Amino acid sequence: MFRTKRSGLVRRLWRSRAPVEGDGEADRGTHGSGGCCMGKTTKVAKSNAGTEAELKALTHSILKKIKEKQLEVLLQAVESKGGARSPCLLLPSKVDAKVGQQSYSLPMLLYKVFRWPDLRHSSELKRLSCCESYGKINPELVCCNPHHMSRLCELESPPPPYSRYPMDYLKPPDSPDSGPSSSDTGGTTYSAPVGLSDSLALQESGDRAHWCVVAYWEEKTRVGRLYSVQEPSLDIFYDLPQGNGFCLGQLCSDNKSQLVQMVRAKIGYGIQLTREPDGVWVYNRSCYPIFIKSATLDNPDSRTLLVHKVFPGFSIKAFDYDKAGSLQRPNDHEFTQQPRTGFTVQISFVKGWGQCYTRQFISSCPCWLEVIFNTR
């Protein structure tokens, strides 16, 4: 009975492995096995029969040595694709496995099998802050839960010119020509969104506990109230099996646009926003790309800002406090002012904007977020 259950768990885990290019199931847009930020992808050829059989035998051999309760933890994480809260899977970090001519540590093998078949090196990974192994250097036991990891989004430098989004950047706040003209915004002159004035009210009222506030927008309309964030980590989602955070699905929206409703349904597990020692990170938990614009992601000498594409399963440092401290308040073509007490990061779900897209401004995107940081 013991062996039967263990063998059953191992078989279920193998059936839940990450698809490889050529399986008929792999999808670059949904599984995030490709490159990041500028649309660069790494094609992964389907393994030949010999390598596949060798990988299967090795994976079965390793999994059968893991305790039954640990197998259940791994299965919960893999089958829910990270949607269910699963504890750490602490295993020896020194155990190596060999597939063909390539050797992998035990954590790397599990990450390759169950999340990223194209993974080459541990330097491509970032551990999520919820993990027990976060911040630890060379522990004897390391968490091998594949959904406690993310892929690092590497920024290309210099980027292709078509991906740049024009802005009047780093002008003094009171510059007379810092506001947008009607031609800048396609015929519409924008004032500051309602969310920004709300943010100022929060800060002026003496609320110093929050480190950011989040506004959810559908095209040009803000939906719901601002969400004030005190905890170090926040899940922002539409539908999450064990969600705890900012649930967009509970907001009342009057928008009847089919495109908005379609994109809203694709938000799924959404994103995880985390304040860490080196800045604020965004982890894409959904099955579709997200698009991010932030003043601290780009060269401070540039007069243009990039809109960065972040694939599913990838993380990006969306806001850097050290860089922000050396920048003046950015002026966006879309809005005539920004809150004087912080910086704003804009995140669009599924649909991008900028010069290489039909939507020139984020206010034309179906579903997007505004994250307003309290830098006090």
Protein backbone atom coordinates (compact mmCIF):
# COMPACT_ATOMS: atom_id res chain seq x y z
CA MET A 1 0.00 0.00 0.00
CA PHE A 2 2.85 2.36 0.89
CA ARG A 3 4.67 1.69 -2.39
CA THR A 4 1.46 1.94 -4.39
CA LYS A 5 0.69 5.41 -3.07
CA ARG A 6 4.26 6.62 -3.52
CA SER A 7 4.40 5.24 -7.07
CA GLY A 8 1.06 6.88 -7.83
CA LEU A 9 2.35 10.27 -6.65
CA VAL A 10 5.48 9.89 -8.76
CA ARG A 11 3.45 9.03 -11.86
CA ARG A 12 1.16 12.02 -11.31
CA LEU A 13 4.15 14.29 -10.91
CA TRP A 14 5.75 13.06 -14.13
CA ARG A 15 2.49 13.64 -16.02
CA SER A 16 2.47 17.22 -14.64
CA ARG A 17 6.00 18.05 -15.86
CA ALA A 18 6.53 21.23 -17.84
CA PRO A 19 5.89 20.82 -21.57
CA VAL A 20 8.83 21.06 -23.95
CA GLU A 21 8.75 22.79 -27.34
CA GLY A 22 7.29 20.27 -29.78
CA ASP A 23 5.07 18.48 -27.25
CA GLY A 24 1.97 20.15 -28.70
CA GLU A 25 1.26 21.60 -25.27
CA ALA A 26 4.07 24.10 -24.91
CA ASP A 27 3.05 27.70 -25.47
CA ARG A 28 5.55 30.53 -25.21
CA GLY A 29 2.85 33.00 -24.27
CA THR A 30 1.43 30.96 -21.44
CA HIS A 31 4.26 28.98 -19.89
CA GLY A 32 7.02 31.57 -19.89
CA SER A 33 9.84 29.33 -20.98
CA GLY A 34 11.12 31.96 -23.38
CA GLY A 35 13.15 35.09 -22.93
CA CYS A 36 11.96 38.23 -21.26
CA CYS A 37 11.30 41.92 -21.51
CA MET A 38 12.03 42.62 -25.13
CA GLY A 39 10.26 39.62 -26.60
CA LYS A 40 13.46 37.62 -27.03
CA THR A 41 12.76 33.90 -26.84
CA THR A 42 14.94 30.84 -26.56
CA LYS A 43 13.64 27.92 -28.55
CA VAL A 44 13.92 24.56 -26.82
CA ALA A 45 14.03 21.62 -29.15
CA LYS A 46 12.05 18.58 -28.18
CA SER A 47 14.30 16.04 -26.47
CA ASN A 48 15.14 12.90 -28.42
CA ALA A 49 13.67 9.63 -27.23
CA GLY A 50 16.89 8.52 -25.52
CA THR A 51 17.29 11.73 -23.50
CA GLU A 52 13.59 11.76 -22.60
CA ALA A 53 13.77 8.17 -21.34
CA GLU A 54 16.94 8.96 -19.39
CA LEU A 55 15.34 12.04 -17.83
CA LYS A 56 12.22 10.07 -16.91
CA ALA A 57 14.22 7.30 -15.27
CA LEU A 58 16.37 9.78 -13.35
CA THR A 59 13.39 11.83 -12.19
CA HIS A 60 11.49 8.73 -11.05
CA SER A 61 14.58 7.50 -9.21
CA ILE A 62 15.00 10.80 -7.34
CA LEU A 63 11.32 11.28 -6.55
CA LYS A 64 11.05 7.79 -5.09
CA LYS A 65 13.72 8.73 -2.52
CA ILE A 66 11.70 11.71 -1.31
CA LYS A 67 9.34 11.34 1.63
CA GLU A 68 5.70 10.79 0.82
CA LYS A 69 4.55 14.01 2.51
CA GLN A 70 7.15 15.94 0.53
CA LEU A 71 5.88 14.37 -2.68
CA GLU A 72 2.40 15.57 -1.78
CA VAL A 73 3.74 19.11 -1.24
CA LEU A 74 5.46 19.03 -4.62
CA LEU A 75 2.38 17.66 -6.35
CA GLN A 76 0.17 20.34 -4.80
CA ALA A 77 2.48 23.07 -6.07
CA VAL A 78 2.88 21.58 -9.54
CA GLU A 79 -0.75 20.70 -10.21
CA SER A 80 -2.04 24.08 -8.98
CA LYS A 81 0.72 25.84 -11.01
CA GLY A 82 1.57 27.85 -7.91
CA GLY A 83 -2.02 28.90 -7.22
CA ALA A 84 -2.30 26.93 -3.98
CA ARG A 85 -0.12 27.87 -1.03
CA SER A 86 2.44 25.14 -0.70
CA PRO A 87 5.15 24.90 1.96
CA CYS A 88 8.86 24.70 1.25
CA LEU A 89 10.27 21.43 -0.03
CA LEU A 90 13.58 21.24 1.85
CA LEU A 91 16.03 18.79 0.30
CA PRO A 92 19.85 18.38 0.26
CA SER A 93 21.43 20.94 -2.05
CA LYS A 94 24.62 18.95 -2.68
CA VAL A 95 23.03 16.03 -4.54
CA ASP A 96 23.89 16.10 -8.25
CA ALA A 97 22.07 14.40 -11.12
CA LYS A 98 23.36 13.78 -14.64
CA VAL A 99 21.31 13.83 -17.84
CA GLY A 100 23.40 12.95 -20.87
CA GLN A 101 26.64 14.94 -20.55
CA GLN A 102 25.08 17.61 -18.34
CA SER A 103 25.13 17.57 -14.51
CA TYR A 104 22.50 19.37 -12.44
CA SER A 105 21.98 19.94 -8.74
CA LEU A 106 18.81 18.40 -7.31
CA PRO A 107 16.99 21.78 -7.13
CA MET A 108 17.95 22.63 -10.72
CA LEU A 109 16.72 19.28 -11.99
CA LEU A 110 13.31 19.76 -10.34
CA TYR A 111 13.07 23.33 -11.66
CA LYS A 112 13.83 22.12 -15.19
CA VAL A 113 11.44 19.19 -15.08
CA PHE A 114 8.48 20.98 -13.53
CA ARG A 115 8.79 24.58 -14.73
CA TRP A 116 11.48 25.58 -17.22
CA PRO A 117 12.91 22.93 -19.57
CA ASP A 118 15.22 25.58 -21.11
CA LEU A 119 16.79 26.53 -17.75
CA ARG A 120 20.60 26.49 -18.01
CA HIS A 121 22.01 28.00 -14.83
CA SER A 122 20.91 28.98 -11.33
CA SER A 123 21.92 32.59 -12.07
CA GLU A 124 18.78 32.82 -14.24
CA LEU A 125 16.60 32.31 -11.17
CA LYS A 126 15.28 34.47 -8.35
CA ARG A 127 13.88 32.99 -5.17
CA LEU A 128 10.56 34.43 -4.00
CA SER A 129 10.57 36.16 -0.63
CA CYS A 130 7.90 33.80 0.74
CA CYS A 131 10.43 30.93 0.65
CA GLU A 132 12.31 29.75 3.76
CA SER A 133 15.54 29.64 1.74
CA TYR A 134 15.20 33.29 0.69
CA GLY A 135 18.37 35.20 1.51
CA LYS A 136 20.27 32.14 2.79
CA ILE A 137 23.72 31.40 1.36
CA ASN A 138 24.71 27.76 0.72
CA PRO A 139 22.39 26.06 3.23
CA GLU A 140 22.63 22.29 3.68
CA LEU A 141 18.92 22.00 2.93
CA VAL A 142 17.47 24.18 0.21
CA CYS A 143 13.87 24.63 -0.91
CA CYS A 144 13.22 22.77 -4.16
CA ASN A 145 9.61 23.86 -4.59
CA PRO A 146 9.55 25.00 -8.25
CA HIS A 147 6.84 27.57 -7.52
CA HIS A 148 8.94 29.28 -4.86
CA MET A 149 11.21 30.40 -7.71
CA SER A 150 10.93 32.79 -10.63
CA ARG A 151 13.00 33.51 -13.73
CA LEU A 152 14.96 36.75 -13.76
CA CYS A 153 13.93 39.25 -16.38
CA GLU A 154 17.13 40.51 -17.98
CA LEU A 155 16.98 43.92 -19.60
CA GLU A 156 18.58 44.32 -23.00
CA SER A 157 21.02 47.20 -23.39
CA PRO A 158 20.79 49.06 -25.61
CA PRO A 159 17.20 48.13 -26.58
CA PRO A 160 15.80 48.30 -30.10
CA PRO A 161 14.50 51.81 -30.86
CA TYR A 162 11.01 50.58 -31.75
CA SER A 163 10.38 49.53 -28.16
CA ARG A 164 10.91 52.98 -26.70
CA TYR A 165 8.07 55.07 -25.37
CA PRO A 166 8.64 58.84 -25.77
CA MET A 167 8.45 60.99 -22.66
CA ASP A 168 9.49 64.38 -21.36
CA TYR A 169 11.72 62.84 -18.73
CA LEU A 170 13.35 64.43 -15.69
CA LYS A 171 12.02 67.94 -16.34
CA PRO A 172 11.62 70.05 -13.22
CA PRO A 173 8.16 69.61 -11.66
CA ASP A 174 7.20 73.22 -12.39
CA SER A 175 8.53 73.33 -15.92
CA PRO A 176 6.07 75.38 -18.05
CA ASP A 177 6.29 72.96 -20.97
CA SER A 178 5.98 69.75 -18.95
CA GLY A 179 2.28 69.22 -19.55
CA PRO A 180 0.95 67.22 -22.54
CA SER A 181 -0.62 68.90 -25.51
CA SER A 182 -3.70 67.54 -27.23
CA SER A 183 -1.52 66.06 -30.00
CA ASP A 184 0.56 64.15 -27.42
CA THR A 185 -2.43 62.17 -26.21
CA GLY A 186 -4.32 61.67 -29.43
CA GLY A 187 -6.66 64.62 -28.96
CA THR A 188 -7.28 64.35 -25.23
CA THR A 189 -5.68 66.48 -22.55
CA TYR A 190 -5.36 64.50 -19.33
CA SER A 191 -5.35 65.79 -15.82
CA ALA A 192 -3.94 63.76 -12.95
CA PRO A 193 -5.93 60.58 -12.28
CA VAL A 194 -8.23 60.55 -9.31
CA GLY A 195 -5.95 57.95 -7.73
CA LEU A 196 -3.06 60.37 -7.41
CA SER A 197 -5.01 62.93 -5.42
CA ASP A 198 -6.26 60.09 -3.21
CA SER A 199 -2.66 59.07 -2.65
CA LEU A 200 -1.74 62.56 -1.53
CA ALA A 201 -4.68 62.59 0.84
CA LEU A 202 -3.50 59.32 2.38
CA GLN A 203 -0.03 60.66 2.97
CA GLU A 204 -1.11 64.09 4.21
CA SER A 205 -3.49 62.49 6.71
CA GLY A 206 -0.51 61.10 8.61
CA ASP A 207 -0.69 57.51 7.32
CA ARG A 208 2.98 56.51 7.22
CA ALA A 209 2.46 52.74 7.48
CA HIS A 210 1.87 52.04 3.79
CA TRP A 211 4.78 51.73 1.39
CA CYS A 212 2.63 51.99 -1.72
CA VAL A 213 -0.94 52.28 -2.92
CA VAL A 214 -2.41 50.45 -5.92
CA ALA A 215 -5.10 51.68 -8.29
CA TYR A 216 -6.85 49.42 -10.82
CA TRP A 217 -7.95 50.95 -14.13
CA GLU A 218 -10.00 49.77 -17.09
CA GLU A 219 -9.02 52.01 -19.98
CA LYS A 220 -9.57 55.59 -18.72
CA THR A 221 -11.76 54.65 -15.75
CA ARG A 222 -10.50 53.72 -12.32
CA VAL A 223 -12.39 50.82 -10.77
CA GLY A 224 -12.76 50.62 -7.00
CA ARG A 225 -10.83 52.49 -4.36
CA LEU A 226 -7.09 52.66 -3.83
CA TYR A 227 -5.57 49.65 -2.10
CA SER A 228 -3.11 50.70 0.59
CA VAL A 229 -0.25 48.22 1.08
CA GLN A 230 1.37 47.73 4.49
CA GLU A 231 2.60 44.13 4.22
CA PRO A 232 5.91 43.45 2.44
CA SER A 233 4.20 41.31 -0.20
CA LEU A 234 0.88 41.70 -2.03
CA ASP A 235 -0.92 39.36 -4.44
CA ILE A 236 -2.99 41.20 -7.07
CA PHE A 237 -5.22 38.74 -8.90
CA TYR A 238 -8.56 38.08 -10.52
CA ASP A 239 -8.96 34.42 -9.65
CA LEU A 240 -6.59 32.62 -7.27
CA PRO A 241 -7.44 29.28 -5.57
CA GLN A 242 -6.05 30.47 -2.24
CA GLY A 243 -5.87 34.19 -2.79
CA ASN A 244 -5.18 36.73 -0.08
CA GLY A 245 -4.64 40.30 -1.22
CA PHE A 246 -6.14 42.64 -3.80
CA CYS A 247 -8.82 40.64 -5.66
CA LEU A 248 -9.79 42.47 -8.85
CA GLY A 249 -12.64 40.00 -9.40
CA GLN A 250 -14.50 41.45 -6.42
CA LEU A 251 -14.53 45.00 -7.81
CA CYS A 252 -17.71 46.28 -9.42
CA SER A 253 -17.09 47.42 -12.97
CA ASP A 254 -19.61 48.94 -15.38
CA ASN A 255 -17.37 48.42 -18.39
CA LYS A 256 -19.20 46.30 -20.98
CA SER A 257 -16.38 46.21 -23.51
CA GLN A 258 -15.79 42.66 -24.77
CA LEU A 259 -12.05 43.30 -24.89
CA VAL A 260 -11.98 44.49 -21.26
CA GLN A 261 -13.99 41.47 -20.15
CA MET A 262 -11.72 39.10 -22.11
CA VAL A 263 -8.53 40.59 -20.65
CA ARG A 264 -10.03 40.69 -17.15
CA ALA A 265 -10.69 36.96 -17.37
CA LYS A 266 -7.07 36.35 -18.42
CA ILE A 267 -5.58 38.08 -15.36
CA GLY A 268 -5.97 34.82 -13.44
CA TYR A 269 -3.30 34.49 -10.74
CA GLY A 270 -2.13 38.00 -11.58
CA ILE A 271 1.06 39.37 -10.10
CA GLN A 272 2.92 39.44 -6.82
CA LEU A 273 4.27 42.80 -5.69
CA THR A 274 7.08 42.51 -3.13
CA ARG A 275 9.16 45.07 -1.28
CA GLU A 276 12.66 43.65 -0.81
CA PRO A 277 15.95 45.16 0.47
CA ASP A 278 17.11 46.13 -3.04
CA GLY A 279 13.79 47.48 -4.31
CA VAL A 280 10.29 46.46 -5.35
CA TRP A 281 9.90 43.32 -7.45
CA VAL A 282 7.00 42.23 -9.64
CA TYR A 283 6.49 38.52 -10.25
CA ASN A 284 4.17 37.54 -13.10
CA ARG A 285 2.03 34.65 -11.78
CA SER A 286 -0.47 34.75 -14.64
CA CYS A 287 -0.50 32.74 -17.87
CA TYR A 288 -0.02 35.81 -20.08
CA PRO A 289 2.61 38.55 -20.41
CA ILE A 290 2.42 41.78 -18.44
CA PHE A 291 3.90 45.12 -19.51
CA ILE A 292 5.69 47.50 -17.15
CA LYS A 293 6.93 51.07 -17.35
CA SER A 294 9.07 52.51 -14.55
CA ALA A 295 11.45 55.44 -14.32
CA THR A 296 14.06 53.35 -12.47
CA LEU A 297 14.22 50.58 -15.08
CA ASP A 298 16.02 52.73 -17.63
CA ASN A 299 19.08 54.89 -18.11
CA PRO A 300 18.63 58.10 -16.10
CA ASP A 301 20.25 60.07 -18.95
CA SER A 302 17.62 58.89 -21.42
CA ARG A 303 14.69 61.06 -22.44
CA THR A 304 12.60 58.00 -23.22
CA LEU A 305 11.23 55.21 -21.07
CA LEU A 306 10.83 51.61 -22.14
CA VAL A 307 7.71 49.52 -21.81
CA HIS A 308 9.07 46.15 -20.67
CA LYS A 309 7.37 42.88 -21.54
CA VAL A 310 7.52 40.33 -18.71
CA PHE A 311 6.58 36.75 -19.52
CA PRO A 312 4.74 34.34 -17.18
CA GLY A 313 6.95 32.99 -14.41
CA PHE A 314 9.41 35.89 -14.65
CA SER A 315 10.31 38.58 -12.10
CA ILE A 316 11.54 42.12 -12.68
CA LYS A 317 12.80 44.76 -10.26
CA ALA A 318 10.20 47.36 -11.14
CA PHE A 319 11.31 50.03 -8.69
CA ASP A 320 14.73 50.84 -7.25
CA TYR A 321 14.71 53.11 -4.20
CA ASP A 322 18.37 54.10 -4.61
CA LYS A 323 17.86 55.13 -8.23
CA ALA A 324 14.60 56.88 -7.39
CA GLY A 325 16.36 59.02 -4.81
CA SER A 326 18.60 60.52 -7.50
CA LEU A 327 15.79 61.23 -9.96
CA GLN A 328 13.50 64.18 -10.15
CA ARG A 329 9.81 63.53 -10.60
CA PRO A 330 9.16 62.15 -14.13
CA ASN A 331 6.62 63.85 -16.38
CA ASP A 332 4.48 61.47 -18.38
CA HIS A 333 2.79 62.48 -21.63
CA GLU A 334 -0.43 60.99 -20.31
CA PHE A 335 -0.75 63.04 -17.14
CA THR A 336 0.11 66.63 -16.31
CA GLN A 337 1.40 65.82 -12.84
CA GLN A 338 2.56 63.01 -10.58
CA PRO A 339 2.35 62.88 -6.78
CA ARG A 340 5.24 64.87 -5.32
CA THR A 341 5.76 62.30 -2.58
CA GLY A 342 6.53 59.31 -4.75
CA PHE A 343 6.96 57.61 -8.10
CA THR A 344 4.48 55.65 -10.14
CA VAL A 345 4.92 52.30 -11.90
CA GLN A 346 2.37 51.32 -14.54
CA ILE A 347 1.52 47.69 -15.28
CA SER A 348 -0.79 46.46 -18.03
CA PHE A 349 -2.19 42.93 -18.17
CA VAL A 350 -1.99 41.02 -21.49
CA LYS A 351 -1.92 44.10 -23.78
CA GLY A 352 1.11 46.30 -24.35
CA TRP A 353 1.37 49.95 -25.27
CA GLY A 354 3.88 52.30 -26.83
CA GLN A 355 5.31 52.86 -30.29
CA CYS A 356 5.42 49.19 -31.31
CA TYR A 357 1.74 48.64 -30.38
CA THR A 358 -1.54 50.02 -31.66
CA ARG A 359 -2.15 51.51 -28.20
CA GLN A 360 0.14 54.47 -27.70
CA PHE A 361 -0.85 55.16 -24.09
CA ILE A 362 -1.62 52.93 -21.14
CA SER A 363 -5.00 54.61 -20.73
CA SER A 364 -6.01 52.74 -23.91
CA CYS A 365 -5.14 49.36 -22.35
CA PRO A 366 -8.12 47.25 -21.19
CA CYS A 367 -6.87 46.41 -17.67
CA TRP A 368 -3.95 48.05 -15.92
CA LEU A 369 -2.51 48.99 -12.55
CA GLU A 370 -0.94 52.11 -11.15
CA VAL A 371 1.45 51.50 -8.25
CA ILE A 372 2.19 54.71 -6.37
CA PHE A 373 5.16 54.51 -4.02
CA ASN A 374 5.46 56.34 -0.75
CA THR A 375 9.10 57.43 -0.65
CA ARG A 376 8.90 59.14 2.74
